[in-house]
PDB file of all heavy atoms in Angstrom:
ATOM      1  N   SER A   1     164.004  48.226  91.563  1.00  0.00           N
ATOM      2  CA  SER A   1     164.903  47.707  90.540  1.00  0.00           C
ATOM      3  C   SER A   1     164.117  47.333  89.212  1.00  0.00           C
ATOM      4  O   SER A   1     164.773  47.191  88.225  1.00  0.00           O
ATOM      5  CB  SER A   1     165.631  46.456  91.072  1.00  0.00           C
ATOM      6  OG  SER A   1     164.787  45.387  91.371  1.00  0.00           O
ATOM      7  N   ALA A   2     162.876  47.264  89.350  1.00  0.00           N
ATOM      8  CA  ALA A   2     161.997  46.808  88.140  1.00  0.00           C
ATOM      9  C   ALA A   2     161.977  47.910  87.172  1.00  0.00           C
ATOM     10  O   ALA A   2     161.938  49.126  87.513  1.00  0.00           O
ATOM     11  CB  ALA A   2     160.590  46.486  88.597  1.00  0.00           C
ATOM     12  N   GLY A   3     162.089  47.648  85.990  1.00  0.00           N
ATOM     13  CA  GLY A   3     162.111  48.677  84.853  1.00  0.00           C
ATOM     14  C   GLY A   3     160.729  49.285  84.696  1.00  0.00           C
ATOM     15  O   GLY A   3     159.728  48.760  85.069  1.00  0.00           O
ATOM     16  N   GLU A   4     160.704  50.427  84.027  1.00  0.00           N
ATOM     17  CA  GLU A   4     159.488  51.135  83.761  1.00  0.00           C
ATOM     18  C   GLU A   4     158.633  50.270  82.866  1.00  0.00           C
ATOM     19  O   GLU A   4     159.023  49.639  81.953  1.00  0.00           O
ATOM     20  CB  GLU A   4     159.719  52.450  82.996  1.00  0.00           C
ATOM     21  CG  GLU A   4     158.543  53.306  82.904  1.00  0.00           C
ATOM     22  CD  GLU A   4     158.939  54.610  82.252  1.00  0.00           C
ATOM     23  OE1 GLU A   4     160.066  55.125  82.313  1.00  0.00           O
ATOM     24  OE2 GLU A   4     157.962  55.312  81.757  1.00  0.00           O
ATOM     25  N   GLY A   5     157.371  50.140  83.378  1.00  0.00           N
ATOM     26  CA  GLY A   5     156.354  49.296  82.526  1.00  0.00           C
ATOM     27  C   GLY A   5     156.500  47.823  82.947  1.00  0.00           C
ATOM     28  O   GLY A   5     155.711  46.987  82.397  1.00  0.00           O
ATOM     29  N   ASP A   6     157.333  47.490  83.920  1.00  0.00           N
ATOM     30  CA  ASP A   6     157.491  46.109  84.321  1.00  0.00           C
ATOM     31  C   ASP A   6     156.293  45.736  85.259  1.00  0.00           C
ATOM     32  O   ASP A   6     156.121  46.297  86.270  1.00  0.00           O
ATOM     33  CB  ASP A   6     158.822  45.812  85.060  1.00  0.00           C
ATOM     34  CG  ASP A   6     159.082  44.413  85.396  1.00  0.00           C
ATOM     35  OD1 ASP A   6     158.084  43.668  85.523  1.00  0.00           O
ATOM     36  OD2 ASP A   6     160.247  44.102  85.524  1.00  0.00           O
ATOM     37  N   LYS A   7     155.458  44.849  84.839  1.00  0.00           N
ATOM     38  CA  LYS A   7     154.213  44.540  85.554  1.00  0.00           C
ATOM     39  C   LYS A   7     154.501  43.777  86.867  1.00  0.00           C
ATOM     40  O   LYS A   7     153.761  44.010  87.843  1.00  0.00           O
ATOM     41  CB  LYS A   7     153.268  43.653  84.772  1.00  0.00           C
ATOM     42  CG  LYS A   7     152.674  44.381  83.542  1.00  0.00           C
ATOM     43  CD  LYS A   7     151.702  43.515  82.811  1.00  0.00           C
ATOM     44  CE  LYS A   7     151.073  44.281  81.605  1.00  0.00           C
ATOM     45  NZ  LYS A   7     150.077  43.466  80.869  1.00  0.00           N
ATOM     46  N   SER A   8     155.745  43.222  86.931  1.00  0.00           N
ATOM     47  CA  SER A   8     156.048  42.565  88.229  1.00  0.00           C
ATOM     48  C   SER A   8     156.440  43.599  89.267  1.00  0.00           C
ATOM     49  O   SER A   8     156.222  43.335  90.461  1.00  0.00           O
ATOM     50  CB  SER A   8     157.210  41.593  88.070  1.00  0.00           C
ATOM     51  OG  SER A   8     158.383  42.361  87.658  1.00  0.00           O
ATOM     52  N   GLY A   9     156.920  44.750  88.789  1.00  0.00           N
ATOM     53  CA  GLY A   9     157.153  45.863  89.769  1.00  0.00           C
ATOM     54  C   GLY A   9     155.864  46.393  90.363  1.00  0.00           C
ATOM     55  O   GLY A   9     155.740  46.671  91.551  1.00  0.00           O
ATOM     56  N   GLN A  10     154.816  46.440  89.551  1.00  0.00           N
ATOM     57  CA  GLN A  10     153.459  46.831  89.922  1.00  0.00           C
ATOM     58  C   GLN A  10     152.944  45.789  91.004  1.00  0.00           C
ATOM     59  O   GLN A  10     152.309  46.124  91.969  1.00  0.00           O
ATOM     60  CB  GLN A  10     152.526  46.959  88.828  1.00  0.00           C
ATOM     61  CG  GLN A  10     152.782  48.103  87.890  1.00  0.00           C
ATOM     62  CD  GLN A  10     152.413  49.464  88.585  1.00  0.00           C
ATOM     63  OE1 GLN A  10     153.252  50.049  89.178  1.00  0.00           O
ATOM     64  NE2 GLN A  10     151.171  49.873  88.413  1.00  0.00           N
ATOM     65  N   ALA A  11     153.201  44.475  90.728  1.00  0.00           N
ATOM     66  CA  ALA A  11     152.778  43.476  91.604  1.00  0.00           C
ATOM     67  C   ALA A  11     153.438  43.588  93.044  1.00  0.00           C
ATOM     68  O   ALA A  11     152.762  43.412  94.053  1.00  0.00           O
ATOM     69  CB  ALA A  11     153.113  42.102  91.043  1.00  0.00           C
ATOM     70  N   ALA A  12     154.663  44.051  92.987  1.00  0.00           N
ATOM     71  CA  ALA A  12     155.390  44.263  94.255  1.00  0.00           C
ATOM     72  C   ALA A  12     154.802  45.359  95.017  1.00  0.00           C
ATOM     73  O   ALA A  12     154.613  45.364  96.169  1.00  0.00           O
ATOM     74  CB  ALA A  12     156.880  44.514  93.976  1.00  0.00           C
ATOM     75  N   LEU A  13     154.400  46.459  94.263  1.00  0.00           N
ATOM     76  CA  LEU A  13     153.780  47.601  94.929  1.00  0.00           C
ATOM     77  C   LEU A  13     152.414  47.155  95.530  1.00  0.00           C
ATOM     78  O   LEU A  13     152.135  47.660  96.652  1.00  0.00           O
ATOM     79  CB  LEU A  13     153.517  48.738  93.930  1.00  0.00           C
ATOM     80  CG  LEU A  13     154.838  49.480  93.524  1.00  0.00           C
ATOM     81  CD1 LEU A  13     154.525  50.490  92.360  1.00  0.00           C
ATOM     82  CD2 LEU A  13     155.482  50.239  94.711  1.00  0.00           C
ATOM     83  N   TRP A  14     151.637  46.357  94.845  1.00  0.00           N
ATOM     84  CA  TRP A  14     150.440  45.838  95.435  1.00  0.00           C
ATOM     85  C   TRP A  14     150.622  45.138  96.743  1.00  0.00           C
ATOM     86  O   TRP A  14     149.915  45.113  97.642  1.00  0.00           O
ATOM     87  CB  TRP A  14     149.721  45.082  94.369  1.00  0.00           C
ATOM     88  CG  TRP A  14     148.872  45.791  93.451  1.00  0.00           C
ATOM     89  CD1 TRP A  14     149.054  45.923  92.090  1.00  0.00           C
ATOM     90  CD2 TRP A  14     147.668  46.616  93.745  1.00  0.00           C
ATOM     91  NE1 TRP A  14     148.095  46.783  91.507  1.00  0.00           N
ATOM     92  CE2 TRP A  14     147.305  47.203  92.478  1.00  0.00           C
ATOM     93  CE3 TRP A  14     147.035  47.016  94.891  1.00  0.00           C
ATOM     94  CZ2 TRP A  14     146.179  48.045  92.473  1.00  0.00           C
ATOM     95  CZ3 TRP A  14     145.921  47.826  94.844  1.00  0.00           C
ATOM     96  CH2 TRP A  14     145.472  48.372  93.625  1.00  0.00           C
ATOM     97  N   GLU A  15     151.739  44.314  96.753  1.00  0.00           N
ATOM     98  CA  GLU A  15     152.105  43.612  97.957  1.00  0.00           C
ATOM     99  C   GLU A  15     152.458  44.495  99.125  1.00  0.00           C
ATOM    100  O   GLU A  15     152.046  44.313 100.260  1.00  0.00           O
ATOM    101  CB  GLU A  15     153.266  42.656  97.679  1.00  0.00           C
ATOM    102  CG  GLU A  15     152.912  41.460  96.789  1.00  0.00           C
ATOM    103  CD  GLU A  15     152.130  40.366  97.506  1.00  0.00           C
ATOM    104  OE1 GLU A  15     151.928  40.433  98.646  1.00  0.00           O
ATOM    105  OE2 GLU A  15     151.670  39.416  96.806  1.00  0.00           O
ATOM    106  N   ILE A  16     153.180  45.535  98.770  1.00  0.00           N
ATOM    107  CA  ILE A  16     153.506  46.645  99.755  1.00  0.00           C
ATOM    108  C   ILE A  16     152.221  47.268 100.253  1.00  0.00           C
ATOM    109  O   ILE A  16     152.036  47.490 101.474  1.00  0.00           O
ATOM    110  CB  ILE A  16     154.472  47.656  99.111  1.00  0.00           C
ATOM    111  CG1 ILE A  16     155.797  46.956  98.814  1.00  0.00           C
ATOM    112  CG2 ILE A  16     154.652  48.827 100.115  1.00  0.00           C
ATOM    113  CD1 ILE A  16     156.701  47.878  97.995  1.00  0.00           C
ATOM    114  N   PHE A  17     151.281  47.627  99.421  1.00  0.00           N
ATOM    115  CA  PHE A  17     150.036  48.258  99.731  1.00  0.00           C
ATOM    116  C   PHE A  17     149.294  47.348 100.641  1.00  0.00           C
ATOM    117  O   PHE A  17     148.727  47.824 101.693  1.00  0.00           O
ATOM    118  CB  PHE A  17     149.256  48.525  98.496  1.00  0.00           C
ATOM    119  CG  PHE A  17     147.806  48.970  98.728  1.00  0.00           C
ATOM    120  CD1 PHE A  17     147.544  50.342  99.040  1.00  0.00           C
ATOM    121  CD2 PHE A  17     146.798  48.097  98.604  1.00  0.00           C
ATOM    122  CE1 PHE A  17     146.305  50.711  99.331  1.00  0.00           C
ATOM    123  CE2 PHE A  17     145.485  48.603  98.801  1.00  0.00           C
ATOM    124  CZ  PHE A  17     145.241  49.880  99.234  1.00  0.00           C
ATOM    125  N   SER A  18     149.225  46.093 100.360  1.00  0.00           N
ATOM    126  CA  SER A  18     148.564  45.093 101.259  1.00  0.00           C
ATOM    127  C   SER A  18     149.096  45.011 102.626  1.00  0.00           C
ATOM    128  O   SER A  18     148.404  45.042 103.633  1.00  0.00           O
ATOM    129  CB  SER A  18     148.569  43.690 100.569  1.00  0.00           C
ATOM    130  OG  SER A  18     147.865  42.727 101.308  1.00  0.00           O
ATOM    131  N   ILE A  19     150.456  45.009 102.772  1.00  0.00           N
ATOM    132  CA  ILE A  19     151.018  44.980 104.056  1.00  0.00           C
ATOM    133  C   ILE A  19     150.807  46.252 104.783  1.00  0.00           C
ATOM    134  O   ILE A  19     150.390  46.222 106.005  1.00  0.00           O
ATOM    135  CB  ILE A  19     152.560  44.702 103.865  1.00  0.00           C
ATOM    136  CG1 ILE A  19     152.931  43.336 103.352  1.00  0.00           C
ATOM    137  CG2 ILE A  19     153.354  44.970 105.185  1.00  0.00           C
ATOM    138  CD1 ILE A  19     154.303  43.140 102.938  1.00  0.00           C
ATOM    139  N   GLN A  20     150.920  47.351 104.160  1.00  0.00           N
ATOM    140  CA  GLN A  20     150.637  48.660 104.816  1.00  0.00           C
ATOM    141  C   GLN A  20     149.263  48.766 105.354  1.00  0.00           C
ATOM    142  O   GLN A  20     149.005  49.242 106.430  1.00  0.00           O
ATOM    143  CB  GLN A  20     150.970  49.777 103.884  1.00  0.00           C
ATOM    144  CG  GLN A  20     152.518  49.913 103.545  1.00  0.00           C
ATOM    145  CD  GLN A  20     152.840  50.803 102.481  1.00  0.00           C
ATOM    146  OE1 GLN A  20     152.062  50.953 101.490  1.00  0.00           O
ATOM    147  NE2 GLN A  20     153.998  51.603 102.623  1.00  0.00           N
ATOM    148  N   LYS A  21     148.315  48.271 104.505  1.00  0.00           N
ATOM    149  CA  LYS A  21     146.935  48.362 104.787  1.00  0.00           C
ATOM    150  C   LYS A  21     146.630  47.503 106.040  1.00  0.00           C
ATOM    151  O   LYS A  21     145.947  47.851 107.002  1.00  0.00           O
ATOM    152  CB  LYS A  21     146.019  47.895 103.595  1.00  0.00           C
ATOM    153  CG  LYS A  21     144.573  48.181 103.906  1.00  0.00           C
ATOM    154  CD  LYS A  21     143.793  48.074 102.535  1.00  0.00           C
ATOM    155  CE  LYS A  21     143.948  46.755 101.838  1.00  0.00           C
ATOM    156  NZ  LYS A  21     143.183  45.679 102.506  1.00  0.00           N
ATOM    157  N   ASP A  22     147.117  46.305 106.030  1.00  0.00           N
ATOM    158  CA  ASP A  22     146.967  45.336 107.098  1.00  0.00           C
ATOM    159  C   ASP A  22     147.583  45.906 108.426  1.00  0.00           C
ATOM    160  O   ASP A  22     147.046  45.577 109.578  1.00  0.00           O
ATOM    161  CB  ASP A  22     147.555  44.004 106.767  1.00  0.00           C
ATOM    162  CG  ASP A  22     146.808  43.231 105.712  1.00  0.00           C
ATOM    163  OD1 ASP A  22     145.693  43.634 105.364  1.00  0.00           O
ATOM    164  OD2 ASP A  22     147.314  42.205 105.131  1.00  0.00           O
ATOM    165  N   ARG A  23     148.664  46.638 108.302  1.00  0.00           N
ATOM    166  CA  ARG A  23     149.265  47.105 109.483  1.00  0.00           C
ATOM    167  C   ARG A  23     148.740  48.546 109.929  1.00  0.00           C
ATOM    168  O   ARG A  23     149.265  49.246 110.698  1.00  0.00           O
ATOM    169  CB  ARG A  23     150.777  47.274 109.294  1.00  0.00           C
ATOM    170  CG  ARG A  23     151.436  45.920 108.963  1.00  0.00           C
ATOM    171  CD  ARG A  23     152.897  46.045 108.589  1.00  0.00           C
ATOM    172  NE  ARG A  23     153.667  46.392 109.844  1.00  0.00           N
ATOM    173  CZ  ARG A  23     154.836  46.992 109.717  1.00  0.00           C
ATOM    174  NH1 ARG A  23     155.476  47.184 108.576  1.00  0.00           N
ATOM    175  NH2 ARG A  23     155.495  47.352 110.873  1.00  0.00           N
ATOM    176  N   LYS A  24     147.735  49.003 109.207  1.00  0.00           N
ATOM    177  CA  LYS A  24     147.033  50.231 109.406  1.00  0.00           C
ATOM    178  C   LYS A  24     147.984  51.422 109.183  1.00  0.00           C
ATOM    179  O   LYS A  24     147.786  52.481 109.789  1.00  0.00           O
ATOM    180  CB  LYS A  24     146.427  50.191 110.877  1.00  0.00           C
ATOM    181  CG  LYS A  24     145.279  49.212 111.053  1.00  0.00           C
ATOM    182  CD  LYS A  24     144.696  49.339 112.423  1.00  0.00           C
ATOM    183  CE  LYS A  24     143.430  48.441 112.549  1.00  0.00           C
ATOM    184  NZ  LYS A  24     143.659  47.041 112.212  1.00  0.00           N
ATOM    185  N   ASP A  25     148.904  51.240 108.325  1.00  0.00           N
ATOM    186  CA  ASP A  25     149.805  52.366 107.862  1.00  0.00           C
ATOM    187  C   ASP A  25     149.166  53.048 106.695  1.00  0.00           C
ATOM    188  O   ASP A  25     149.472  52.801 105.493  1.00  0.00           O
ATOM    189  CB  ASP A  25     151.210  51.826 107.494  1.00  0.00           C
ATOM    190  CG  ASP A  25     152.139  52.881 106.969  1.00  0.00           C
ATOM    191  OD1 ASP A  25     151.786  54.062 107.074  1.00  0.00           O
ATOM    192  OD2 ASP A  25     153.185  52.586 106.463  1.00  0.00           O
ATOM    193  N   TYR A  26     148.052  53.756 106.996  1.00  0.00           N
ATOM    194  CA  TYR A  26     147.237  54.313 105.929  1.00  0.00           C
ATOM    195  C   TYR A  26     147.896  55.374 105.073  1.00  0.00           C
ATOM    196  O   TYR A  26     147.697  55.466 103.851  1.00  0.00           O
ATOM    197  CB  TYR A  26     145.863  54.883 106.568  1.00  0.00           C
ATOM    198  CG  TYR A  26     145.090  53.805 107.185  1.00  0.00           C
ATOM    199  CD1 TYR A  26     144.753  53.814 108.504  1.00  0.00           C
ATOM    200  CD2 TYR A  26     144.682  52.614 106.477  1.00  0.00           C
ATOM    201  CE1 TYR A  26     144.012  52.884 109.221  1.00  0.00           C
ATOM    202  CE2 TYR A  26     144.016  51.668 107.178  1.00  0.00           C
ATOM    203  CZ  TYR A  26     143.633  51.789 108.498  1.00  0.00           C
ATOM    204  OH  TYR A  26     142.905  50.769 109.098  1.00  0.00           O
TER     205      TYR A  26
END
């Protein structure tokens, strides 16, 4: 839902990345 260039959308993606990495969903 975050608009293009919305830095908070990027922050959400980093959170997703962190969860996937911790769960070994490489």
